Amino acid sequence: MTRWIAGAAAALIVVYLASLAAVISASRDDQRAAAGAIVVLGAAQYNGKPSPVLRARLDHALGLYREGLAPEIVVTGGIGDGDRVSEATVARQYLVANGVSATAIVVRPEGRSTRASMVSVAEWARGRGVSRAILVSDPFHMLRLRFEAKATGMEVATSPTRTSPISASRRREVWFFAAEAWKIPVVVVRRWFQ
């Protein structure tokens, strides 16, 4: 029994370390290329103003948009507990205030999780004939985004923001990477049972 427990613990450690290495590797890979849309994953907003994390993601998407990599920006994120407006709506307001035409912004406020946001974006993309999208979020989030997008059938590239407050604090960033590494095996196993 003790040998079985030790073996199981060793297997969990190996899976976790492999997952962590994959998360770190994906975080360094900027795959920006021409696409049908740039998709910004939501983050907190405070009384109608984007949090520093959301603002960093939006600024990164603005840069990609101004490079001419896609004609539209899709913003995601639902209404959090105690909020009156969605993250996606706040993101739209921020982009418009920074010179993006309202007609070039698509608001998808249905999701309150990465998975739900990707399902919503995939539905929109299929309806519009968009075959490829650039996903923008924090570096730690890139690998899970790829998995969740692939589960919806979307073809995506990921482009991590480098200016997030999460990345500015080494201790905070390490915590996010460590937490994300636990989520990857869950996403992979969930896909097997779909």
C-alpha atoms as a PDB file:
ATOM      1  CA  MET A   1       0.000   0.000   0.000  1.00  0.00           C
ATOM      2  CA  THR A   2       2.812   2.402   0.896  1.00  0.00           C
ATOM      3  CA  ARG A   3       4.554   1.649  -2.413  1.00  0.00           C
ATOM      4  CA  TRP A   4       1.311   2.384  -4.310  1.00  0.00           C
ATOM      5  CA  ILE A   5       0.863   5.709  -2.512  1.00  0.00           C
ATOM      6  CA  ALA A   6       4.489   6.669  -3.186  1.00  0.00           C
ATOM      7  CA  GLY A   7       4.085   5.751  -6.864  1.00  0.00           C
ATOM      8  CA  ALA A   8       0.899   7.773  -7.188  1.00  0.00           C
ATOM      9  CA  ALA A   9       2.535  10.763  -5.476  1.00  0.00           C
ATOM     10  CA  ALA A  10       5.552  10.515  -7.793  1.00  0.00           C
ATOM     11  CA  ALA A  11       3.260  10.351 -10.845  1.00  0.00           C
ATOM     12  CA  LEU A  12       1.360  13.457  -9.676  1.00  0.00           C
ATOM     13  CA  ILE A  13       4.621  15.337  -9.198  1.00  0.00           C
ATOM     14  CA  VAL A  14       5.808  14.367 -12.693  1.00  0.00           C
ATOM     15  CA  VAL A  15       2.489  15.426 -14.256  1.00  0.00           C
ATOM     16  CA  TYR A  16       2.546  18.720 -12.353  1.00  0.00           C
ATOM     17  CA  LEU A  17       6.149  19.528 -13.337  1.00  0.00           C
ATOM     18  CA  ALA A  18       5.458  18.667 -16.981  1.00  0.00           C
ATOM     19  CA  SER A  19       2.365  20.880 -16.870  1.00  0.00           C
ATOM     20  CA  LEU A  20       4.334  23.733 -15.283  1.00  0.00           C
ATOM     21  CA  ALA A  21       7.047  23.458 -17.943  1.00  0.00           C
ATOM     22  CA  ALA A  22       4.406  23.557 -20.695  1.00  0.00           C
ATOM     23  CA  VAL A  23       2.701  26.608 -19.132  1.00  0.00           C
ATOM     24  CA  ILE A  24       6.040  28.443 -18.935  1.00  0.00           C
ATOM     25  CA  SER A  25       6.963  27.504 -22.504  1.00  0.00           C
ATOM     26  CA  ALA A  26       3.616  28.696 -23.891  1.00  0.00           C
ATOM     27  CA  SER A  27       3.901  31.959 -21.938  1.00  0.00           C
ATOM     28  CA  ARG A  28       7.011  32.903 -23.925  1.00  0.00           C
ATOM     29  CA  ASP A  29       5.564  32.153 -27.355  1.00  0.00           C
ATOM     30  CA  ASP A  30       4.073  35.158 -29.149  1.00  0.00           C
ATOM     31  CA  GLN A  31       2.316  33.725 -32.200  1.00  0.00           C
ATOM     32  CA  ARG A  32       0.941  36.989 -33.567  1.00  0.00           C
ATOM     33  CA  ALA A  33      -0.008  36.741 -37.230  1.00  0.00           C
ATOM     34  CA  ALA A  34      -2.808  37.967 -39.483  1.00  0.00           C
ATOM     35  CA  ALA A  35      -6.230  36.781 -38.304  1.00  0.00           C
ATOM     36  CA  GLY A  36      -9.914  37.502 -38.595  1.00  0.00           C
ATOM     37  CA  ALA A  37     -10.150  38.894 -35.072  1.00  0.00           C
ATOM     38  CA  ILE A  38      -8.218  39.719 -31.929  1.00  0.00           C
ATOM     39  CA  VAL A  39      -9.877  38.262 -28.820  1.00  0.00           C
ATOM     40  CA  VAL A  40      -9.207  39.832 -25.425  1.00  0.00           C
ATOM     41  CA  LEU A  41      -9.946  37.660 -22.405  1.00  0.00           C
ATOM     42  CA  GLY A  42     -11.742  39.528 -19.654  1.00  0.00           C
ATOM     43  CA  ALA A  43     -10.358  40.510 -16.278  1.00  0.00           C
ATOM     44  CA  ALA A  44     -11.715  42.549 -13.383  1.00  0.00           C
ATOM     45  CA  GLN A  45     -13.226  45.970 -13.805  1.00  0.00           C
ATOM     46  CA  TYR A  46     -13.925  48.454 -11.048  1.00  0.00           C
ATOM     47  CA  ASN A  47     -17.059  50.579 -11.317  1.00  0.00           C
ATOM     48  CA  GLY A  48     -16.767  50.858 -15.081  1.00  0.00           C
ATOM     49  CA  LYS A  49     -12.984  51.212 -15.229  1.00  0.00           C
ATOM     50  CA  PRO A  50     -10.702  48.382 -16.339  1.00  0.00           C
ATOM     51  CA  SER A  51      -8.407  46.947 -13.699  1.00  0.00           C
ATOM     52  CA  PRO A  52      -4.680  47.311 -14.413  1.00  0.00           C
ATOM     53  CA  VAL A  53      -4.648  43.689 -15.631  1.00  0.00           C
ATOM     54  CA  LEU A  54      -7.529  44.258 -18.048  1.00  0.00           C
ATOM     55  CA  ARG A  55      -6.032  47.553 -19.205  1.00  0.00           C
ATOM     56  CA  ALA A  56      -2.721  45.819 -20.008  1.00  0.00           C
ATOM     57  CA  ARG A  57      -4.543  43.208 -22.077  1.00  0.00           C
ATOM     58  CA  LEU A  58      -6.513  45.881 -23.924  1.00  0.00           C
ATOM     59  CA  ASP A  59      -3.393  47.949 -24.606  1.00  0.00           C
ATOM     60  CA  HIS A  60      -1.697  44.867 -26.046  1.00  0.00           C
ATOM     61  CA  ALA A  61      -4.723  44.180 -28.260  1.00  0.00           C
ATOM     62  CA  LEU A  62      -4.662  47.835 -29.383  1.00  0.00           C
ATOM     63  CA  GLY A  63      -1.071  47.378 -30.486  1.00  0.00           C
ATOM     64  CA  LEU A  64      -1.959  44.274 -32.512  1.00  0.00           C
ATOM     65  CA  TYR A  65      -4.958  46.047 -34.022  1.00  0.00           C
ATOM     66  CA  ARG A  66      -2.862  49.070 -34.986  1.00  0.00           C
ATOM     67  CA  GLU A  67      -0.348  46.717 -36.622  1.00  0.00           C
ATOM     68  CA  GLY A  68      -3.227  45.715 -38.894  1.00  0.00           C
ATOM     69  CA  LEU A  69      -3.242  42.077 -37.823  1.00  0.00           C
ATOM     70  CA  ALA A  70      -7.061  41.862 -37.624  1.00  0.00           C
ATOM     71  CA  PRO A  71     -10.050  44.041 -38.552  1.00  0.00           C
ATOM     72  CA  GLU A  72     -12.004  43.447 -35.331  1.00  0.00           C
ATOM     73  CA  ILE A  73     -11.412  43.152 -31.605  1.00  0.00           C
ATOM     74  CA  VAL A  74     -13.634  40.786 -29.622  1.00  0.00           C
ATOM     75  CA  VAL A  75     -13.877  41.560 -25.908  1.00  0.00           C
ATOM     76  CA  THR A  76     -15.062  38.975 -23.394  1.00  0.00           C
ATOM     77  CA  GLY A  77     -16.014  38.777 -19.739  1.00  0.00           C
ATOM     78  CA  GLY A  78     -19.276  38.675 -17.879  1.00  0.00           C
ATOM     79  CA  ILE A  79     -20.684  40.496 -14.885  1.00  0.00           C
ATOM     80  CA  GLY A  80     -18.914  39.665 -11.638  1.00  0.00           C
ATOM     81  CA  ASP A  81     -20.541  39.395  -8.246  1.00  0.00           C
ATOM     82  CA  GLY A  82     -21.634  42.841  -7.105  1.00  0.00           C
ATOM     83  CA  ASP A  83     -20.963  44.438 -10.510  1.00  0.00           C
ATOM     84  CA  ARG A  84     -23.527  46.202 -12.652  1.00  0.00           C
ATOM     85  CA  VAL A  85     -21.636  46.107 -15.922  1.00  0.00           C
ATOM     86  CA  SER A  86     -19.723  43.357 -17.694  1.00  0.00           C
ATOM     87  CA  GLU A  87     -15.970  43.242 -18.184  1.00  0.00           C
ATOM     88  CA  ALA A  88     -16.627  43.104 -21.939  1.00  0.00           C
ATOM     89  CA  THR A  89     -18.672  46.325 -21.866  1.00  0.00           C
ATOM     90  CA  VAL A  90     -15.969  48.142 -19.907  1.00  0.00           C
ATOM     91  CA  ALA A  91     -13.360  46.831 -22.354  1.00  0.00           C
ATOM     92  CA  ARG A  92     -15.397  48.172 -25.279  1.00  0.00           C
ATOM     93  CA  GLN A  93     -15.637  51.610 -23.661  1.00  0.00           C
ATOM     94  CA  TYR A  94     -11.873  51.656 -23.105  1.00  0.00           C
ATOM     95  CA  LEU A  95     -11.126  50.704 -26.718  1.00  0.00           C
ATOM     96  CA  VAL A  96     -13.517  53.312 -28.098  1.00  0.00           C
ATOM     97  CA  ALA A  97     -11.926  55.960 -25.842  1.00  0.00           C
ATOM     98  CA  ASN A  98      -8.572  54.935 -27.331  1.00  0.00           C
ATOM     99  CA  GLY A  99      -9.604  55.438 -30.936  1.00  0.00           C
ATOM    100  CA  VAL A 100     -11.065  52.108 -32.043  1.00  0.00           C
ATOM    101  CA  SER A 101     -14.275  52.443 -34.038  1.00  0.00           C
ATOM    102  CA  ALA A 102     -17.265  50.998 -32.180  1.00  0.00           C
ATOM    103  CA  THR A 103     -18.088  49.053 -35.357  1.00  0.00           C
ATOM    104  CA  ALA A 104     -14.750  47.202 -35.074  1.00  0.00           C
ATOM    105  CA  ILE A 105     -15.505  45.929 -31.548  1.00  0.00           C
ATOM    106  CA  VAL A 106     -17.530  42.824 -30.764  1.00  0.00           C
ATOM    107  CA  VAL A 107     -18.825  42.447 -27.201  1.00  0.00           C
ATOM    108  CA  ARG A 108     -19.227  38.871 -25.888  1.00  0.00           C
ATOM    109  CA  PRO A 109     -20.235  39.223 -22.209  1.00  0.00           C
ATOM    110  CA  GLU A 110     -21.660  35.718 -21.783  1.00  0.00           C
ATOM    111  CA  GLY A 111     -18.657  34.049 -20.162  1.00  0.00           C
ATOM    112  CA  ARG A 112     -17.447  34.212 -16.577  1.00  0.00           C
ATOM    113  CA  SER A 113     -14.733  31.613 -17.163  1.00  0.00           C
ATOM    114  CA  THR A 114     -12.107  30.956 -19.822  1.00  0.00           C
ATOM    115  CA  ARG A 115     -14.084  28.019 -21.137  1.00  0.00           C
ATOM    116  CA  ALA A 116     -17.393  29.900 -21.312  1.00  0.00           C
ATOM    117  CA  SER A 117     -15.739  32.863 -23.010  1.00  0.00           C
ATOM    118  CA  MET A 118     -14.129  30.622 -25.633  1.00  0.00           C
ATOM    119  CA  VAL A 119     -17.442  28.877 -26.335  1.00  0.00           C
ATOM    120  CA  SER A 120     -19.101  32.279 -26.816  1.00  0.00           C
ATOM    121  CA  VAL A 121     -16.326  33.523 -29.108  1.00  0.00           C
ATOM    122  CA  ALA A 122     -16.399  30.297 -31.143  1.00  0.00           C
ATOM    123  CA  GLU A 123     -20.167  30.683 -31.702  1.00  0.00           C
ATOM    124  CA  TRP A 124     -19.631  34.237 -32.911  1.00  0.00           C
ATOM    125  CA  ALA A 125     -16.683  33.238 -35.120  1.00  0.00           C
ATOM    126  CA  ARG A 126     -18.624  30.428 -36.810  1.00  0.00           C
ATOM    127  CA  GLY A 127     -21.526  32.791 -37.480  1.00  0.00           C
ATOM    128  CA  ARG A 128     -19.206  35.375 -39.036  1.00  0.00           C
ATOM    129  CA  GLY A 129     -16.975  32.961 -40.948  1.00  0.00           C
ATOM    130  CA  VAL A 130     -13.915  33.941 -38.911  1.00  0.00           C
ATOM    131  CA  SER A 131     -11.492  31.036 -39.179  1.00  0.00           C
ATOM    132  CA  ARG A 132      -8.540  32.302 -37.132  1.00  0.00           C
ATOM    133  CA  ALA A 133      -8.188  34.528 -34.083  1.00  0.00           C
ATOM    134  CA  ILE A 134      -5.381  35.980 -31.968  1.00  0.00           C
ATOM    135  CA  LEU A 135      -6.019  35.435 -28.251  1.00  0.00           C
ATOM    136  CA  VAL A 136      -4.714  38.062 -25.835  1.00  0.00           C
ATOM    137  CA  SER A 137      -4.288  37.509 -22.113  1.00  0.00           C
ATOM    138  CA  ASP A 138      -1.562  37.273 -19.490  1.00  0.00           C
ATOM    139  CA  PRO A 139       1.417  35.003 -20.216  1.00  0.00           C
ATOM    140  CA  PHE A 140       0.447  32.376 -17.629  1.00  0.00           C
ATOM    141  CA  HIS A 141      -2.928  31.933 -19.371  1.00  0.00           C
ATOM    142  CA  MET A 142      -1.688  31.084 -22.888  1.00  0.00           C
ATOM    143  CA  LEU A 143      -1.567  27.278 -22.755  1.00  0.00           C
ATOM    144  CA  ARG A 144      -5.027  26.874 -21.221  1.00  0.00           C
ATOM    145  CA  LEU A 145      -6.419  29.335 -23.738  1.00  0.00           C
ATOM    146  CA  ARG A 146      -5.050  27.194 -26.567  1.00  0.00           C
ATOM    147  CA  PHE A 147      -6.623  24.062 -25.098  1.00  0.00           C
ATOM    148  CA  GLU A 148      -9.989  25.711 -24.488  1.00  0.00           C
ATOM    149  CA  ALA A 149     -10.046  27.231 -27.990  1.00  0.00           C
ATOM    150  CA  LYS A 150      -9.102  23.924 -29.608  1.00  0.00           C
ATOM    151  CA  ALA A 151     -11.967  22.241 -27.748  1.00  0.00           C
ATOM    152  CA  THR A 152     -14.375  24.617 -29.533  1.00  0.00           C
ATOM    153  CA  GLY A 153     -12.831  23.927 -32.933  1.00  0.00           C
ATOM    154  CA  MET A 154     -11.277  27.378 -33.269  1.00  0.00           C
ATOM    155  CA  GLU A 155      -7.932  27.930 -34.945  1.00  0.00           C
ATOM    156  CA  VAL A 156      -5.999  30.378 -32.793  1.00  0.00           C
ATOM    157  CA  ALA A 157      -2.684  32.040 -32.171  1.00  0.00           C
ATOM    158  CA  THR A 158      -1.805  33.424 -28.755  1.00  0.00           C
ATOM    159  CA  SER A 159      -0.121  36.723 -27.980  1.00  0.00           C
ATOM    160  CA  PRO A 160       0.677  37.354 -24.307  1.00  0.00           C
ATOM    161  CA  THR A 161       0.756  40.830 -22.854  1.00  0.00           C
ATOM    162  CA  ARG A 162       4.082  41.710 -21.242  1.00  0.00           C
ATOM    163  CA  THR A 163       2.897  44.778 -19.334  1.00  0.00           C
ATOM    164  CA  SER A 164       0.489  43.208 -16.860  1.00  0.00           C
ATOM    165  CA  PRO A 165       0.983  43.999 -13.168  1.00  0.00           C
ATOM    166  CA  ILE A 166       1.064  40.232 -12.665  1.00  0.00           C
ATOM    167  CA  SER A 167       4.254  40.020 -14.740  1.00  0.00           C
ATOM    168  CA  ALA A 168       5.740  43.036 -12.977  1.00  0.00           C
ATOM    169  CA  SER A 169       5.877  41.160  -9.668  1.00  0.00           C
ATOM    170  CA  ARG A 170       8.071  38.049  -9.838  1.00  0.00           C
ATOM    171  CA  ARG A 171       6.491  36.574  -6.701  1.00  0.00           C
ATOM    172  CA  ARG A 172       2.958  37.151  -7.962  1.00  0.00           C
ATOM    173  CA  GLU A 173       3.796  35.791 -11.406  1.00  0.00           C
ATOM    174  CA  VAL A 174       5.314  32.607  -9.945  1.00  0.00           C
ATOM    175  CA  TRP A 175       2.129  32.055  -7.925  1.00  0.00           C
ATOM    176  CA  PHE A 176      -0.033  32.418 -11.063  1.00  0.00           C
ATOM    177  CA  PHE A 177       2.176  30.023 -13.043  1.00  0.00           C
ATOM    178  CA  ALA A 178       2.087  27.493 -10.201  1.00  0.00           C
ATOM    179  CA  ALA A 179      -1.709  27.692  -9.912  1.00  0.00           C
ATOM    180  CA  GLU A 180      -2.169  27.461 -13.683  1.00  0.00           C
ATOM    181  CA  ALA A 181      -0.095  24.283 -13.857  1.00  0.00           C
ATOM    182  CA  TRP A 182      -2.755  22.509 -11.735  1.00  0.00           C
ATOM    183  CA  LYS A 183      -5.502  23.570 -14.155  1.00  0.00           C
ATOM    184  CA  ILE A 184      -3.920  22.125 -17.303  1.00  0.00           C
ATOM    185  CA  PRO A 185      -4.350  18.422 -16.408  1.00  0.00           C
ATOM    186  CA  VAL A 186      -7.973  19.128 -15.458  1.00  0.00           C
ATOM    187  CA  VAL A 187      -8.624  20.716 -18.866  1.00  0.00           C
ATOM    188  CA  VAL A 188      -6.942  17.815 -20.669  1.00  0.00           C
ATOM    189  CA  VAL A 189      -8.858  15.147 -18.723  1.00  0.00           C
ATOM    190  CA  ARG A 190     -12.144  17.008 -19.222  1.00  0.00           C
ATOM    191  CA  ARG A 191     -11.576  16.969 -23.005  1.00  0.00           C
ATOM    192  CA  TRP A 192     -11.163  13.184 -22.954  1.00  0.00           C
ATOM    193  CA  PHE A 193     -14.669  12.835 -21.524  1.00  0.00           C
ATOM    194  CA  GLN A 194     -16.398  15.238 -23.905  1.00  0.00           C
END
